[in-house]
Amino acid sequence: MIIIDKALARRQADGNPVRVALVGAGFMGKGIALQICKFVPGMELVAIANRDIEKARKAYYQADVLDPKKVSTLDELEYNIRNDIYS
């Protein structure tokens, strides 16, 4: 993990974090969202997909992301990712 930690730290310092999306906001998904948002410098959770939108929002809220935006199309998602808007 040290190699990965160093690579992620370098990406964080360069302002180029690895952007990831999460599919599923159940018990495990909420924990993973919290881990990425709070404790993994160099990695950014940009989107959460879930059948129940409220569960996706709760996963973000638990990680102190209070303003995720709901998207319905790929174009909306890509726009949000380009503009650093959580979806």
PDB file of N, CA and C in Angstrom:
ATOM      1  N   MET A   1       0.810  -1.204   0.000  1.00  0.00           N
ATOM      2  CA  MET A   1       0.000   0.000   0.000  1.00  0.00           C
ATOM      3  C   MET A   1       0.849   1.262   0.000  1.00  0.00           C
ATOM      4  N   ILE A   2       2.075   1.168   0.449  1.00  0.00           N
ATOM      5  CA  ILE A   2       2.904   2.368   0.515  1.00  0.00           C
ATOM      6  C   ILE A   2       3.099   2.965  -0.876  1.00  0.00           C
ATOM      7  N   ILE A   3       3.294   2.126  -1.890  1.00  0.00           N
ATOM      8  CA  ILE A   3       3.460   2.629  -3.253  1.00  0.00           C
ATOM      9  C   ILE A   3       2.196   3.362  -3.699  1.00  0.00           C
ATOM     10  N   ILE A   4       1.045   2.789  -3.425  1.00  0.00           N
ATOM     11  CA  ILE A   4      -0.221   3.423  -3.802  1.00  0.00           C
ATOM     12  C   ILE A   4      -0.419   4.717  -3.024  1.00  0.00           C
ATOM     13  N   ASP A   5      -0.132   4.695  -1.728  1.00  0.00           N
ATOM     14  CA  ASP A   5      -0.279   5.901  -0.911  1.00  0.00           C
ATOM     15  C   ASP A   5       0.586   7.033  -1.446  1.00  0.00           C
ATOM     16  N   LYS A   6       1.809   6.714  -1.830  1.00  0.00           N
ATOM     17  CA  LYS A   6       2.714   7.742  -2.366  1.00  0.00           C
ATOM     18  C   LYS A   6       2.212   8.267  -3.707  1.00  0.00           C
ATOM     19  N   ALA A   7       1.719   7.372  -4.547  1.00  0.00           N
ATOM     20  CA  ALA A   7       1.196   7.801  -5.849  1.00  0.00           C
ATOM     21  C   ALA A   7      -0.034   8.691  -5.674  1.00  0.00           C
ATOM     22  N   LEU A   8      -0.912   8.326  -4.748  1.00  0.00           N
ATOM     23  CA  LEU A   8      -2.096   9.153  -4.487  1.00  0.00           C
ATOM     24  C   LEU A   8      -1.706  10.500  -3.893  1.00  0.00           C
ATOM     25  N   ALA A   9      -0.730  10.506  -2.994  1.00  0.00           N
ATOM     26  CA  ALA A   9      -0.264  11.770  -2.408  1.00  0.00           C
ATOM     27  C   ALA A   9       0.305  12.680  -3.492  1.00  0.00           C
ATOM     28  N   ARG A  10       1.023  12.094  -4.438  1.00  0.00           N
ATOM     29  CA  ARG A  10       1.583  12.883  -5.540  1.00  0.00           C
ATOM     30  C   ARG A  10       0.452  13.461  -6.402  1.00  0.00           C
ATOM     31  N   ARG A  11      -0.560  12.653  -6.670  1.00  0.00           N
ATOM     32  CA  ARG A  11      -1.696  13.153  -7.461  1.00  0.00           C
ATOM     33  C   ARG A  11      -2.433  14.263  -6.722  1.00  0.00           C
ATOM     34  N   GLN A  12      -2.564  14.135  -5.403  1.00  0.00           N
ATOM     35  CA  GLN A  12      -3.206  15.178  -4.600  1.00  0.00           C
ATOM     36  C   GLN A  12      -2.403  16.473  -4.693  1.00  0.00           C
ATOM     37  N   ALA A  13      -1.090  16.365  -4.550  1.00  0.00           N
ATOM     38  CA  ALA A  13      -0.224  17.544  -4.610  1.00  0.00           C
ATOM     39  C   ALA A  13      -0.272  18.200  -5.992  1.00  0.00           C
ATOM     40  N   ASP A  14      -0.437  17.392  -7.028  1.00  0.00           N
ATOM     41  CA  ASP A  14      -0.506  17.913  -8.393  1.00  0.00           C
ATOM     42  C   ASP A  14      -1.892  18.448  -8.753  1.00  0.00           C
ATOM     43  N   GLY A  15      -2.857  18.305  -7.842  1.00  0.00           N
ATOM     44  CA  GLY A  15      -4.222  18.745  -8.127  1.00  0.00           C
ATOM     45  C   GLY A  15      -4.916  17.863  -9.156  1.00  0.00           C
ATOM     46  N   ASN A  16      -4.520  16.598  -9.207  1.00  0.00           N
ATOM     47  CA  ASN A  16      -5.062  15.665 -10.190  1.00  0.00           C
ATOM     48  C   ASN A  16      -5.480  14.359  -9.511  1.00  0.00           C
ATOM     49  N   PRO A  17      -6.472  14.420  -8.612  1.00  0.00           N
ATOM     50  CA  PRO A  17      -6.853  13.204  -7.889  1.00  0.00           C
ATOM     51  C   PRO A  17      -7.500  12.171  -8.810  1.00  0.00           C
ATOM     52  N   VAL A  18      -7.423  10.920  -8.403  1.00  0.00           N
ATOM     53  CA  VAL A  18      -8.139   9.847  -9.088  1.00  0.00           C
ATOM     54  C   VAL A  18      -9.615  10.041  -8.765  1.00  0.00           C
ATOM     55  N   ARG A  19     -10.431  10.115  -9.784  1.00  0.00           N
ATOM     56  CA  ARG A  19     -11.868  10.316  -9.582  1.00  0.00           C
ATOM     57  C   ARG A  19     -12.580   8.981  -9.733  1.00  0.00           C
ATOM     58  N   VAL A  20     -13.394   8.662  -8.746  1.00  0.00           N
ATOM     59  CA  VAL A  20     -14.090   7.378  -8.755  1.00  0.00           C
ATOM     60  C   VAL A  20     -15.581   7.590  -8.530  1.00  0.00           C
ATOM     61  N   ALA A  21     -16.356   6.625  -9.002  1.00  0.00           N
ATOM     62  CA  ALA A  21     -17.793   6.591  -8.752  1.00  0.00           C
ATOM     63  C   ALA A  21     -18.090   5.328  -7.958  1.00  0.00           C
ATOM     64  N   LEU A  22     -19.141   5.377  -7.186  1.00  0.00           N
ATOM     65  CA  LEU A  22     -19.541   4.262  -6.339  1.00  0.00           C
ATOM     66  C   LEU A  22     -20.919   3.785  -6.774  1.00  0.00           C
ATOM     67  N   VAL A  23     -21.054   2.488  -6.984  1.00  0.00           N
ATOM     68  CA  VAL A  23     -22.351   1.907  -7.316  1.00  0.00           C
ATOM     69  C   VAL A  23     -22.838   1.162  -6.087  1.00  0.00           C
ATOM     70  N   GLY A  24     -23.918   1.670  -5.512  1.00  0.00           N
ATOM     71  CA  GLY A  24     -24.498   1.064  -4.320  1.00  0.00           C
ATOM     72  C   GLY A  24     -24.191   1.877  -3.081  1.00  0.00           C
ATOM     73  N   ALA A  25     -25.233   2.218  -2.343  1.00  0.00           N
ATOM     74  CA  ALA A  25     -25.080   3.032  -1.135  1.00  0.00           C
ATOM     75  C   ALA A  25     -25.705   2.335   0.062  1.00  0.00           C
ATOM     76  N   GLY A  26     -25.521   1.025   0.122  1.00  0.00           N
ATOM     77  CA  GLY A  26     -25.979   0.282   1.289  1.00  0.00           C
ATOM     78  C   GLY A  26     -24.970   0.417   2.418  1.00  0.00           C
ATOM     79  N   PHE A  27     -24.968  -0.517   3.331  1.00  0.00           N
ATOM     80  CA  PHE A  27     -24.075  -0.455   4.488  1.00  0.00           C
ATOM     81  C   PHE A  27     -22.617  -0.340   4.059  1.00  0.00           C
ATOM     82  N   MET A  28     -22.171  -1.220   3.178  1.00  0.00           N
ATOM     83  CA  MET A  28     -20.775  -1.193   2.717  1.00  0.00           C
ATOM     84  C   MET A  28     -20.489   0.059   1.894  1.00  0.00           C
ATOM     85  N   GLY A  29     -21.407   0.419   1.018  1.00  0.00           N
ATOM     86  CA  GLY A  29     -21.203   1.590   0.178  1.00  0.00           C
ATOM     87  C   GLY A  29     -21.037   2.862   0.983  1.00  0.00           C
ATOM     88  N   LYS A  30     -21.841   3.019   2.038  1.00  0.00           N
ATOM     89  CA  LYS A  30     -21.708   4.210   2.889  1.00  0.00           C
ATOM     90  C   LYS A  30     -20.339   4.246   3.551  1.00  0.00           C
ATOM     91  N   GLY A  31     -19.860   3.096   3.991  1.00  0.00           N
ATOM     92  CA  GLY A  31     -18.542   3.035   4.614  1.00  0.00           C
ATOM     93  C   GLY A  31     -17.429   3.362   3.637  1.00  0.00           C
ATOM     94  N   ILE A  32     -17.550   2.870   2.418  1.00  0.00           N
ATOM     95  CA  ILE A  32     -16.544   3.162   1.395  1.00  0.00           C
ATOM     96  C   ILE A  32     -16.572   4.643   1.031  1.00  0.00           C
ATOM     97  N   ALA A  33     -17.762   5.212   0.903  1.00  0.00           N
ATOM     98  CA  ALA A  33     -17.875   6.644   0.601  1.00  0.00           C
ATOM     99  C   ALA A  33     -17.206   7.471   1.690  1.00  0.00           C
ATOM    100  N   LEU A  34     -17.458   7.134   2.931  1.00  0.00           N
ATOM    101  CA  LEU A  34     -16.845   7.853   4.050  1.00  0.00           C
ATOM    102  C   LEU A  34     -15.330   7.732   3.997  1.00  0.00           C
ATOM    103  N   GLN A  35     -14.836   6.542   3.761  1.00  0.00           N
ATOM    104  CA  GLN A  35     -13.391   6.313   3.705  1.00  0.00           C
ATOM    105  C   GLN A  35     -12.747   7.154   2.610  1.00  0.00           C
ATOM    106  N   ILE A  36     -13.320   7.124   1.410  1.00  0.00           N
ATOM    107  CA  ILE A  36     -12.740   7.871   0.294  1.00  0.00           C
ATOM    108  C   ILE A  36     -12.788   9.372   0.554  1.00  0.00           C
ATOM    109  N   CYS A  37     -13.939   9.873   0.969  1.00  0.00           N
ATOM    110  CA  CYS A  37     -14.106  11.324   1.144  1.00  0.00           C
ATOM    111  C   CYS A  37     -13.263  11.888   2.280  1.00  0.00           C
ATOM    112  N   LYS A  38     -13.066  11.127   3.334  1.00  0.00           N
ATOM    113  CA  LYS A  38     -12.414  11.671   4.526  1.00  0.00           C
ATOM    114  C   LYS A  38     -10.953  11.261   4.685  1.00  0.00           C
ATOM    115  N   PHE A  39     -10.581  10.088   4.176  1.00  0.00           N
ATOM    116  CA  PHE A  39      -9.293   9.532   4.579  1.00  0.00           C
ATOM    117  C   PHE A  39      -8.396   9.070   3.442  1.00  0.00           C
ATOM    118  N   VAL A  40      -8.729   9.390   2.204  1.00  0.00           N
ATOM    119  CA  VAL A  40      -7.888   8.958   1.086  1.00  0.00           C
ATOM    120  C   VAL A  40      -7.501  10.174   0.246  1.00  0.00           C
ATOM    121  N   PRO A  41      -6.452  10.887   0.658  1.00  0.00           N
ATOM    122  CA  PRO A  41      -6.002  12.008  -0.162  1.00  0.00           C
ATOM    123  C   PRO A  41      -5.530  11.490  -1.520  1.00  0.00           C
ATOM    124  N   GLY A  42      -5.882  12.219  -2.558  1.00  0.00           N
ATOM    125  CA  GLY A  42      -5.503  11.812  -3.902  1.00  0.00           C
ATOM    126  C   GLY A  42      -6.583  11.024  -4.615  1.00  0.00           C
ATOM    127  N   MET A  43      -7.684  10.764  -3.920  1.00  0.00           N
ATOM    128  CA  MET A  43      -8.828  10.082  -4.524  1.00  0.00           C
ATOM    129  C   MET A  43     -10.077  10.886  -4.193  1.00  0.00           C
ATOM    130  N   GLU A  44     -10.934  11.055  -5.183  1.00  0.00           N
ATOM    131  CA  GLU A  44     -12.144  11.858  -5.002  1.00  0.00           C
ATOM    132  C   GLU A  44     -13.361  11.069  -5.467  1.00  0.00           C
ATOM    133  N   LEU A  45     -14.352  10.976  -4.614  1.00  0.00           N
ATOM    134  CA  LEU A  45     -15.614  10.327  -4.967  1.00  0.00           C
ATOM    135  C   LEU A  45     -16.481  11.356  -5.681  1.00  0.00           C
ATOM    136  N   VAL A  46     -16.717  11.154  -6.967  1.00  0.00           N
ATOM    137  CA  VAL A  46     -17.439  12.160  -7.753  1.00  0.00           C
ATOM    138  C   VAL A  46     -18.906  11.825  -7.966  1.00  0.00           C
ATOM    139  N   ALA A  47     -19.279  10.550  -7.773  1.00  0.00           N
ATOM    140  CA  ALA A  47     -20.672  10.172  -8.010  1.00  0.00           C
ATOM    141  C   ALA A  47     -21.017   8.906  -7.237  1.00  0.00           C
ATOM    142  N   ILE A  48     -22.270   8.847  -6.797  1.00  0.00           N
ATOM    143  CA  ILE A  48     -22.813   7.641  -6.187  1.00  0.00           C
ATOM    144  C   ILE A  48     -24.091   7.292  -6.939  1.00  0.00           C
ATOM    145  N   ALA A  49     -24.165   6.058  -7.422  1.00  0.00           N
ATOM    146  CA  ALA A  49     -25.368   5.565  -8.099  1.00  0.00           C
ATOM    147  C   ALA A  49     -26.066   4.570  -7.182  1.00  0.00           C
ATOM    148  N   ASN A  50     -27.366   4.731  -7.039  1.00  0.00           N
ATOM    149  CA  ASN A  50     -28.143   3.831  -6.193  1.00  0.00           C
ATOM    150  C   ASN A  50     -29.597   3.878  -6.642  1.00  0.00           C
ATOM    151  N   ARG A  51     -30.316   2.776  -6.498  1.00  0.00           N
ATOM    152  CA  ARG A  51     -31.740   2.758  -6.874  1.00  0.00           C
ATOM    153  C   ARG A  51     -32.542   3.743  -6.037  1.00  0.00           C
ATOM    154  N   ASP A  52     -32.203   3.871  -4.769  1.00  0.00           N
ATOM    155  CA  ASP A  52     -32.884   4.785  -3.846  1.00  0.00           C
ATOM    156  C   ASP A  52     -32.007   6.026  -3.677  1.00  0.00           C
ATOM    157  N   ILE A  53     -32.422   7.131  -4.283  1.00  0.00           N
ATOM    158  CA  ILE A  53     -31.609   8.352  -4.281  1.00  0.00           C
ATOM    159  C   ILE A  53     -31.319   8.845  -2.869  1.00  0.00           C
ATOM    160  N   GLU A  54     -32.246   8.648  -1.952  1.00  0.00           N
ATOM    161  CA  GLU A  54     -32.027   9.115  -0.578  1.00  0.00           C
ATOM    162  C   GLU A  54     -30.876   8.370   0.093  1.00  0.00           C
ATOM    163  N   LYS A  55     -30.706   7.105  -0.218  1.00  0.00           N
ATOM    164  CA  LYS A  55     -29.570   6.362   0.342  1.00  0.00           C
ATOM    165  C   LYS A  55     -28.251   6.905  -0.196  1.00  0.00           C
ATOM    166  N   ALA A  56     -28.238   7.279  -1.472  1.00  0.00           N
ATOM    167  CA  ALA A  56     -27.027   7.870  -2.043  1.00  0.00           C
ATOM    168  C   ALA A  56     -26.727   9.205  -1.362  1.00  0.00           C
ATOM    169  N   ARG A  57     -27.743  10.013  -1.163  1.00  0.00           N
ATOM    170  CA  ARG A  57     -27.546  11.297  -0.478  1.00  0.00           C
ATOM    171  C   ARG A  57     -27.050  11.087   0.946  1.00  0.00           C
ATOM    172  N   LYS A  58     -27.616  10.122   1.649  1.00  0.00           N
ATOM    173  CA  LYS A  58     -27.189   9.851   3.024  1.00  0.00           C
ATOM    174  C   LYS A  58     -25.729   9.423   3.071  1.00  0.00           C
ATOM    175  N   ALA A  59     -25.295   8.666   2.082  1.00  0.00           N
ATOM    176  CA  ALA A  59     -23.885   8.262   2.037  1.00  0.00           C
ATOM    177  C   ALA A  59     -22.991   9.489   1.899  1.00  0.00           C
ATOM    178  N   TYR A  60     -23.376  10.423   1.044  1.00  0.00           N
ATOM    179  CA  TYR A  60     -22.611  11.670   0.911  1.00  0.00           C
ATOM    180  C   TYR A  60     -22.685  12.500   2.195  1.00  0.00           C
ATOM    181  N   TYR A  61     -23.871  12.640   2.771  1.00  0.00           N
ATOM    182  CA  TYR A  61     -24.032  13.436   3.994  1.00  0.00           C
ATOM    183  C   TYR A  61     -23.166  12.889   5.117  1.00  0.00           C
ATOM    184  N   GLN A  62     -23.117  11.572   5.241  1.00  0.00           N
ATOM    185  CA  GLN A  62     -22.299  10.940   6.280  1.00  0.00           C
ATOM    186  C   GLN A  62     -20.823  11.304   6.104  1.00  0.00           C
ATOM    187  N   ALA A  63     -20.425  11.572   4.867  1.00  0.00           N
ATOM    188  CA  ALA A  63     -19.043  11.942   4.573  1.00  0.00           C
ATOM    189  C   ALA A  63     -18.861  13.460   4.514  1.00  0.00           C
ATOM    190  N   ASP A  64     -19.838  14.209   5.023  1.00  0.00           N
ATOM    191  CA  ASP A  64     -19.813  15.676   5.064  1.00  0.00           C
ATOM    192  C   ASP A  64     -19.849  16.342   3.692  1.00  0.00           C
ATOM    193  N   VAL A  65     -20.397  15.665   2.705  1.00  0.00           N
ATOM    194  CA  VAL A  65     -20.666  16.279   1.405  1.00  0.00           C
ATOM    195  C   VAL A  65     -22.149  16.612   1.429  1.00  0.00           C
ATOM    196  N   LEU A  66     -22.453  17.894   1.594  1.00  0.00           N
ATOM    197  CA  LEU A  66     -23.828  18.298   1.875  1.00  0.00           C
ATOM    198  C   LEU A  66     -24.612  18.769   0.660  1.00  0.00           C
ATOM    199  N   ASP A  67     -23.958  18.836  -0.505  1.00  0.00           N
ATOM    200  CA  ASP A  67     -24.653  19.399  -1.662  1.00  0.00           C
ATOM    201  C   ASP A  67     -24.551  18.542  -2.925  1.00  0.00           C
ATOM    202  N   PRO A  68     -24.743  17.225  -2.835  1.00  0.00           N
ATOM    203  CA  PRO A  68     -24.694  16.436  -4.069  1.00  0.00           C
ATOM    204  C   PRO A  68     -25.883  16.775  -4.965  1.00  0.00           C
ATOM    205  N   LYS A  69     -25.655  16.739  -6.260  1.00  0.00           N
ATOM    206  CA  LYS A  69     -26.707  17.073  -7.223  1.00  0.00           C
ATOM    207  C   LYS A  69     -27.189  15.814  -7.930  1.00  0.00           C
ATOM    208  N   LYS A  70     -28.479  15.643  -7.997  1.00  0.00           N
ATOM    209  CA  LYS A  70     -29.073  14.511  -8.705  1.00  0.00           C
ATOM    210  C   LYS A  70     -28.914  14.728 -10.204  1.00  0.00           C
ATOM    211  N   VAL A  71     -28.527  13.679 -10.908  1.00  0.00           N
ATOM    212  CA  VAL A  71     -28.438  13.743 -12.366  1.00  0.00           C
ATOM    213  C   VAL A  71     -29.277  12.618 -12.953  1.00  0.00           C
ATOM    214  N   SER A  72     -29.758  12.845 -14.165  1.00  0.00           N
ATOM    215  CA  SER A  72     -30.585  11.845 -14.838  1.00  0.00           C
ATOM    216  C   SER A  72     -30.006  11.405 -16.171  1.00  0.00           C
ATOM    217  N   THR A  73     -28.991  12.129 -16.646  1.00  0.00           N
ATOM    218  CA  THR A  73     -28.407  11.794 -17.946  1.00  0.00           C
ATOM    219  C   THR A  73     -26.887  11.754 -17.840  1.00  0.00           C
ATOM    220  N   LEU A  74     -26.283  11.091 -18.805  1.00  0.00           N
ATOM    221  CA  LEU A  74     -24.827  11.043 -18.870  1.00  0.00           C
ATOM    222  C   LEU A  74     -24.246  12.438 -19.065  1.00  0.00           C
ATOM    223  N   ASP A  75     -24.891  13.254 -19.878  1.00  0.00           N
ATOM    224  CA  ASP A  75     -24.410  14.621 -20.096  1.00  0.00           C
ATOM    225  C   ASP A  75     -24.377  15.411 -18.793  1.00  0.00           C
ATOM    226  N   GLU A  76     -25.417  15.274 -17.973  1.00  0.00           N
ATOM    227  CA  GLU A  76     -25.440  15.972 -16.682  1.00  0.00           C
ATOM    228  C   GLU A  76     -24.314  15.480 -15.780  1.00  0.00           C
ATOM    229  N   LEU A  77     -24.094  14.184 -15.763  1.00  0.00           N
ATOM    230  CA  LEU A  77     -23.024  13.622 -14.941  1.00  0.00           C
ATOM    231  C   LEU A  77     -21.664  14.124 -15.399  1.00  0.00           C
ATOM    232  N   GLU A  78     -21.409  14.079 -16.692  1.00  0.00           N
ATOM    233  CA  GLU A  78     -20.126  14.553 -17.214  1.00  0.00           C
ATOM    234  C   GLU A  78     -19.920  16.035 -16.924  1.00  0.00           C
ATOM    235  N   TYR A  79     -20.966  16.828 -17.044  1.00  0.00           N
ATOM    236  CA  TYR A  79     -20.876  18.253 -16.713  1.00  0.00           C
ATOM    237  C   TYR A  79     -20.471  18.430 -15.252  1.00  0.00           C
ATOM    238  N   ASN A  80     -21.136  17.705 -14.359  1.00  0.00           N
ATOM    239  CA  ASN A  80     -20.830  17.826 -12.935  1.00  0.00           C
ATOM    240  C   ASN A  80     -19.398  17.401 -12.633  1.00  0.00           C
ATOM    241  N   ILE A  81     -18.950  16.321 -13.244  1.00  0.00           N
ATOM    242  CA  ILE A  81     -17.577  15.869 -13.005  1.00  0.00           C
ATOM    243  C   ILE A  81     -16.584  16.926 -13.475  1.00  0.00           C
ATOM    244  N   ARG A  82     -16.796  17.479 -14.664  1.00  0.00           N
ATOM    245  CA  ARG A  82     -15.895  18.523 -15.181  1.00  0.00           C
ATOM    246  C   ARG A  82     -15.869  19.752 -14.277  1.00  0.00           C
ATOM    247  N   ASN A  83     -16.984  20.033 -13.607  1.00  0.00           N
ATOM    248  CA  ASN A  83     -17.103  21.244 -12.796  1.00  0.00           C
ATOM    249  C   ASN A  83     -17.006  20.978 -11.296  1.00  0.00           C
ATOM    250  N   ASP A  84     -16.475  19.822 -10.931  1.00  0.00           N
ATOM    251  CA  ASP A  84     -16.251  19.469  -9.517  1.00  0.00           C
ATOM    252  C   ASP A  84     -17.522  19.542  -8.680  1.00  0.00           C
ATOM    253  N   ILE A  85     -18.619  19.065  -9.249  1.00  0.00           N
ATOM    254  CA  ILE A  85     -19.896  19.010  -8.542  1.00  0.00           C
ATOM    255  C   ILE A  85     -20.177  17.549  -8.212  1.00  0.00           C
ATOM    256  N   TYR A  86     -20.413  17.255  -6.946  1.00  0.00           N
ATOM    257  CA  TYR A  86     -20.720  15.883  -6.537  1.00  0.00           C
ATOM    258  C   TYR A  86     -22.079  15.470  -7.074  1.00  0.00           C
ATOM    259  N   SER A  87     -22.172  14.238  -7.558  1.00  0.00           N
ATOM    260  CA  SER A  87     -23.432  13.732  -8.118  1.00  0.00           C
ATOM    261  C   SER A  87     -23.816  12.435  -7.447  1.00  0.00           C
TER     262      SER A  87
END
